Amino acid sequence: MVGRGIQPRYSGLFDALNKIIRAEGYLGLWKGVSANVQRAFLVNMGELACYDHAKRLIIGNKISNDNIYAHTLSSVMSGLAATSLSCPADVIKTRMMNQSVGGVITDIKYRNSYDCLVKTVKVEGLRALWKGFLPTWARLGPWQFVFWVSYEKFRQISGLQSF
């Protein structure tokens, strides 16, 4: 934000808490929680469902046995799915959050998330919903790899069966 000439809204955590509570009350701390829950749902749906499905496909088609290669490939696919599903939610959430400054809505562009989605696609096209795809995948991809490969190793060590 500073690089664009916009000063940060808050100087730290306690400054943010104080300003939000004074301007919007305690409920202001929960503003935007529904958009974040929607995003979390999409990320988890993408990573959990896709990992298991990809792993079954890889092992079932004899691309790899149930080993680190299958786990790595499945985790890459899981990261791609999670990123593909979460990017539109990230774009909408960011746009909704940026229309409010210090609890005061400065320029109402969107009435709600659906309105934001429709206007974004109408004005910028469908591809606008995946702005920031590569940086998001660069963050989610390594996490997926570390998580799923560790999970599979712990599963094997503990003697639990795979699907």
C-alpha atoms as a PDB file:
ATOM      1  CA  MET A   1       0.000   0.000   0.000  1.00  0.00           C
ATOM      2  CA  VAL A   2       2.774   2.415   0.879  1.00  0.00           C
ATOM      3  CA  GLY A   3       4.362   1.760  -2.516  1.00  0.00           C
ATOM      4  CA  ARG A   4       1.188   3.125  -4.124  1.00  0.00           C
ATOM      5  CA  GLY A   5       1.244   6.230  -1.928  1.00  0.00           C
ATOM      6  CA  ILE A   6      -1.452   4.968   0.439  1.00  0.00           C
ATOM      7  CA  GLN A   7      -0.613   5.026   4.134  1.00  0.00           C
ATOM      8  CA  PRO A   8      -1.441   1.945   6.219  1.00  0.00           C
ATOM      9  CA  ARG A   9      -4.669   2.223   8.200  1.00  0.00           C
ATOM     10  CA  TYR A  10      -3.143   0.959  11.439  1.00  0.00           C
ATOM     11  CA  SER A  11       0.256   1.150  13.076  1.00  0.00           C
ATOM     12  CA  GLY A  12      -0.072  -2.251  14.739  1.00  0.00           C
ATOM     13  CA  LEU A  13      -2.375  -4.841  16.241  1.00  0.00           C
ATOM     14  CA  PHE A  14      -3.512  -2.836  19.264  1.00  0.00           C
ATOM     15  CA  ASP A  15      -4.002   0.307  17.187  1.00  0.00           C
ATOM     16  CA  ALA A  16      -6.231  -1.698  14.814  1.00  0.00           C
ATOM     17  CA  LEU A  17      -8.251  -3.183  17.684  1.00  0.00           C
ATOM     18  CA  ASN A  18      -8.770   0.218  19.305  1.00  0.00           C
ATOM     19  CA  LYS A  19      -9.756   1.998  16.088  1.00  0.00           C
ATOM     20  CA  ILE A  20     -12.125  -0.745  14.932  1.00  0.00           C
ATOM     21  CA  ILE A  21     -13.866  -1.038  18.303  1.00  0.00           C
ATOM     22  CA  ARG A  22     -14.247   2.755  18.592  1.00  0.00           C
ATOM     23  CA  ALA A  23     -15.561   3.193  15.051  1.00  0.00           C
ATOM     24  CA  GLU A  24     -17.691   0.057  14.635  1.00  0.00           C
ATOM     25  CA  GLY A  25     -18.073  -1.564  18.053  1.00  0.00           C
ATOM     26  CA  TYR A  26     -17.087  -5.113  18.953  1.00  0.00           C
ATOM     27  CA  LEU A  27     -19.077  -6.515  16.028  1.00  0.00           C
ATOM     28  CA  GLY A  28     -16.725  -4.616  13.722  1.00  0.00           C
ATOM     29  CA  LEU A  29     -14.062  -7.179  14.628  1.00  0.00           C
ATOM     30  CA  TRP A  30     -16.191  -9.820  12.902  1.00  0.00           C
ATOM     31  CA  LYS A  31     -16.760  -7.810   9.734  1.00  0.00           C
ATOM     32  CA  GLY A  32     -15.914  -9.896   6.690  1.00  0.00           C
ATOM     33  CA  VAL A  33     -15.951 -13.201   8.541  1.00  0.00           C
ATOM     34  CA  SER A  34     -18.484 -14.751   6.134  1.00  0.00           C
ATOM     35  CA  ALA A  35     -16.267 -14.026   3.112  1.00  0.00           C
ATOM     36  CA  ASN A  36     -13.305 -15.599   4.913  1.00  0.00           C
ATOM     37  CA  VAL A  37     -15.343 -18.673   5.856  1.00  0.00           C
ATOM     38  CA  GLN A  38     -16.432 -19.047   2.215  1.00  0.00           C
ATOM     39  CA  ARG A  39     -12.812 -18.833   1.092  1.00  0.00           C
ATOM     40  CA  ALA A  40     -11.673 -21.340   3.737  1.00  0.00           C
ATOM     41  CA  PHE A  41     -14.412 -23.730   2.624  1.00  0.00           C
ATOM     42  CA  LEU A  42     -13.247 -23.527  -0.996  1.00  0.00           C
ATOM     43  CA  VAL A  43      -9.564 -23.981  -0.133  1.00  0.00           C
ATOM     44  CA  ASN A  44     -10.235 -26.998   2.086  1.00  0.00           C
ATOM     45  CA  MET A  45     -12.626 -28.529  -0.409  1.00  0.00           C
ATOM     46  CA  GLY A  46     -10.016 -28.173  -3.131  1.00  0.00           C
ATOM     47  CA  GLU A  47      -7.122 -29.535  -1.156  1.00  0.00           C
ATOM     48  CA  LEU A  48      -8.808 -32.386   0.718  1.00  0.00           C
ATOM     49  CA  ALA A  49     -11.022 -33.784  -2.025  1.00  0.00           C
ATOM     50  CA  CYS A  50      -8.472 -33.335  -4.776  1.00  0.00           C
ATOM     51  CA  TYR A  51      -5.603 -34.926  -2.857  1.00  0.00           C
ATOM     52  CA  ASP A  52      -7.470 -38.172  -2.236  1.00  0.00           C
ATOM     53  CA  HIS A  53      -8.895 -38.268  -5.744  1.00  0.00           C
ATOM     54  CA  ALA A  54      -5.511 -37.554  -7.361  1.00  0.00           C
ATOM     55  CA  LYS A  55      -3.783 -40.154  -5.196  1.00  0.00           C
ATOM     56  CA  ARG A  56      -6.351 -42.812  -6.139  1.00  0.00           C
ATOM     57  CA  LEU A  57      -5.983 -41.893  -9.817  1.00  0.00           C
ATOM     58  CA  ILE A  58      -2.171 -42.024  -9.702  1.00  0.00           C
ATOM     59  CA  ILE A  59      -2.022 -45.332  -7.858  1.00  0.00           C
ATOM     60  CA  GLY A  60      -4.979 -46.851  -9.733  1.00  0.00           C
ATOM     61  CA  ASN A  61      -3.511 -46.034 -13.154  1.00  0.00           C
ATOM     62  CA  LYS A  62      -0.134 -47.386 -12.031  1.00  0.00           C
ATOM     63  CA  ILE A  63       1.596 -44.043 -12.571  1.00  0.00           C
ATOM     64  CA  SER A  64       3.265 -44.617  -9.221  1.00  0.00           C
ATOM     65  CA  ASN A  65       2.971 -46.845  -6.180  1.00  0.00           C
ATOM     66  CA  ASP A  66       1.884 -45.460  -2.799  1.00  0.00           C
ATOM     67  CA  ASN A  67       5.180 -43.653  -2.233  1.00  0.00           C
ATOM     68  CA  ILE A  68       6.648 -40.146  -2.078  1.00  0.00           C
ATOM     69  CA  TYR A  69       6.282 -39.695  -5.847  1.00  0.00           C
ATOM     70  CA  ALA A  70       2.544 -40.328  -5.711  1.00  0.00           C
ATOM     71  CA  HIS A  71       2.242 -38.090  -2.647  1.00  0.00           C
ATOM     72  CA  THR A  72       4.215 -35.285  -4.297  1.00  0.00           C
ATOM     73  CA  LEU A  73       2.206 -35.405  -7.515  1.00  0.00           C
ATOM     74  CA  SER A  74      -1.062 -35.566  -5.574  1.00  0.00           C
ATOM     75  CA  SER A  75      -0.036 -32.609  -3.405  1.00  0.00           C
ATOM     76  CA  VAL A  76       0.798 -30.525  -6.514  1.00  0.00           C
ATOM     77  CA  MET A  77      -2.636 -31.299  -7.949  1.00  0.00           C
ATOM     78  CA  SER A  78      -4.211 -30.503  -4.591  1.00  0.00           C
ATOM     79  CA  GLY A  79      -2.468 -27.120  -4.498  1.00  0.00           C
ATOM     80  CA  LEU A  80      -3.650 -26.325  -8.018  1.00  0.00           C
ATOM     81  CA  ALA A  81      -7.236 -27.235  -7.153  1.00  0.00           C
ATOM     82  CA  ALA A  82      -7.204 -25.241  -3.913  1.00  0.00           C
ATOM     83  CA  THR A  83      -5.756 -22.198  -5.685  1.00  0.00           C
ATOM     84  CA  SER A  84      -8.169 -22.461  -8.599  1.00  0.00           C
ATOM     85  CA  LEU A  85     -11.139 -22.574  -6.249  1.00  0.00           C
ATOM     86  CA  SER A  86      -9.956 -19.916  -3.801  1.00  0.00           C
ATOM     87  CA  CYS A  87      -8.735 -17.209  -6.195  1.00  0.00           C
ATOM     88  CA  PRO A  88     -12.209 -15.906  -7.132  1.00  0.00           C
ATOM     89  CA  ALA A  89     -13.125 -15.750  -3.441  1.00  0.00           C
ATOM     90  CA  ASP A  90      -9.865 -13.902  -2.691  1.00  0.00           C
ATOM     91  CA  VAL A  91     -10.513 -11.330  -5.415  1.00  0.00           C
ATOM     92  CA  ILE A  92     -14.092 -10.708  -4.244  1.00  0.00           C
ATOM     93  CA  LYS A  93     -13.107 -10.603  -0.561  1.00  0.00           C
ATOM     94  CA  THR A  94     -10.272  -8.144  -1.223  1.00  0.00           C
ATOM     95  CA  ARG A  95     -12.479  -5.833  -3.255  1.00  0.00           C
ATOM     96  CA  MET A  96     -15.199  -5.869  -0.621  1.00  0.00           C
ATOM     97  CA  MET A  97     -12.703  -5.137   2.154  1.00  0.00           C
ATOM     98  CA  ASN A  98     -10.989  -2.340   0.224  1.00  0.00           C
ATOM     99  CA  GLN A  99     -14.154  -0.292  -0.183  1.00  0.00           C
ATOM    100  CA  SER A 100     -14.132   0.434   3.560  1.00  0.00           C
ATOM    101  CA  VAL A 101     -11.538   2.696   5.170  1.00  0.00           C
ATOM    102  CA  GLY A 102     -11.492   2.839   8.961  1.00  0.00           C
ATOM    103  CA  GLY A 103     -15.040   1.514   9.168  1.00  0.00           C
ATOM    104  CA  VAL A 104     -16.343   4.233   6.855  1.00  0.00           C
ATOM    105  CA  ILE A 105     -17.429   3.129   3.413  1.00  0.00           C
ATOM    106  CA  THR A 106     -15.795   5.702   1.187  1.00  0.00           C
ATOM    107  CA  ASP A 107     -17.022   4.652  -2.230  1.00  0.00           C
ATOM    108  CA  ILE A 108     -19.756   2.021  -2.398  1.00  0.00           C
ATOM    109  CA  LYS A 109     -18.997   0.012  -5.507  1.00  0.00           C
ATOM    110  CA  TYR A 110     -20.507  -3.288  -4.391  1.00  0.00           C
ATOM    111  CA  ARG A 111     -23.585  -4.006  -2.277  1.00  0.00           C
ATOM    112  CA  ASN A 112     -22.524  -7.566  -1.433  1.00  0.00           C
ATOM    113  CA  SER A 113     -20.248 -10.386  -2.606  1.00  0.00           C
ATOM    114  CA  TYR A 114     -22.576 -11.461  -5.392  1.00  0.00           C
ATOM    115  CA  ASP A 115     -22.827  -7.893  -6.715  1.00  0.00           C
ATOM    116  CA  CYS A 116     -19.032  -7.670  -6.632  1.00  0.00           C
ATOM    117  CA  LEU A 117     -18.723 -10.947  -8.549  1.00  0.00           C
ATOM    118  CA  VAL A 118     -21.179  -9.876 -11.251  1.00  0.00           C
ATOM    119  CA  LYS A 119     -19.646  -6.399 -11.681  1.00  0.00           C
ATOM    120  CA  THR A 120     -16.092  -7.752 -11.779  1.00  0.00           C
ATOM    121  CA  VAL A 121     -16.911 -10.277 -14.501  1.00  0.00           C
ATOM    122  CA  LYS A 122     -18.994  -7.746 -16.443  1.00  0.00           C
ATOM    123  CA  VAL A 123     -16.326  -5.016 -16.416  1.00  0.00           C
ATOM    124  CA  GLU A 124     -13.065  -6.993 -16.431  1.00  0.00           C
ATOM    125  CA  GLY A 125     -14.044 -10.390 -17.763  1.00  0.00           C
ATOM    126  CA  LEU A 126     -13.966 -13.863 -16.235  1.00  0.00           C
ATOM    127  CA  ARG A 127     -10.153 -13.976 -16.045  1.00  0.00           C
ATOM    128  CA  ALA A 128     -10.188 -11.138 -13.509  1.00  0.00           C
ATOM    129  CA  LEU A 129     -11.373 -13.612 -10.888  1.00  0.00           C
ATOM    130  CA  TRP A 130      -8.016 -15.377 -11.026  1.00  0.00           C
ATOM    131  CA  LYS A 131      -5.826 -12.316 -10.520  1.00  0.00           C
ATOM    132  CA  GLY A 132      -2.947 -13.304  -8.292  1.00  0.00           C
ATOM    133  CA  PHE A 133      -3.164 -17.000  -9.196  1.00  0.00           C
ATOM    134  CA  LEU A 134       0.594 -17.585  -9.418  1.00  0.00           C
ATOM    135  CA  PRO A 135       1.517 -15.870  -6.134  1.00  0.00           C
ATOM    136  CA  THR A 136      -1.310 -17.720  -4.389  1.00  0.00           C
ATOM    137  CA  TRP A 137      -0.161 -21.037  -5.819  1.00  0.00           C
ATOM    138  CA  ALA A 138       3.436 -20.194  -4.895  1.00  0.00           C
ATOM    139  CA  ARG A 139       2.213 -19.897  -1.297  1.00  0.00           C
ATOM    140  CA  LEU A 140      -0.218 -22.845  -1.271  1.00  0.00           C
ATOM    141  CA  GLY A 141       1.896 -25.238  -3.356  1.00  0.00           C
ATOM    142  CA  PRO A 142       4.801 -25.666  -0.925  1.00  0.00           C
ATOM    143  CA  TRP A 143       2.370 -25.885   1.991  1.00  0.00           C
ATOM    144  CA  GLN A 144       0.460 -28.685   0.259  1.00  0.00           C
ATOM    145  CA  PHE A 145       3.675 -30.567  -0.429  1.00  0.00           C
ATOM    146  CA  VAL A 146       4.952 -30.306   3.153  1.00  0.00           C
ATOM    147  CA  PHE A 147       1.559 -31.115   4.667  1.00  0.00           C
ATOM    148  CA  TRP A 148       0.613 -34.105   2.539  1.00  0.00           C
ATOM    149  CA  VAL A 149       4.043 -35.737   2.382  1.00  0.00           C
ATOM    150  CA  SER A 150       4.364 -35.344   6.177  1.00  0.00           C
ATOM    151  CA  TYR A 151       0.849 -36.682   6.673  1.00  0.00           C
ATOM    152  CA  GLU A 152       1.586 -39.752   4.565  1.00  0.00           C
ATOM    153  CA  LYS A 153       4.874 -40.392   6.377  1.00  0.00           C
ATOM    154  CA  PHE A 154       3.186 -40.141   9.791  1.00  0.00           C
ATOM    155  CA  ARG A 155       0.398 -42.387   8.536  1.00  0.00           C
ATOM    156  CA  GLN A 156       2.917 -45.014   7.442  1.00  0.00           C
ATOM    157  CA  ILE A 157       4.919 -44.763  10.690  1.00  0.00           C
ATOM    158  CA  SER A 158       1.788 -45.214  12.783  1.00  0.00           C
ATOM    159  CA  GLY A 159       0.703 -48.220  10.735  1.00  0.00           C
ATOM    160  CA  LEU A 160      -2.568 -46.702   9.495  1.00  0.00           C
ATOM    161  CA  GLN A 161      -3.847 -47.908   6.161  1.00  0.00           C
ATOM    162  CA  SER A 162      -4.377 -45.689   3.162  1.00  0.00           C
ATOM    163  CA  PHE A 163      -7.814 -45.751   1.508  1.00  0.00           C
END
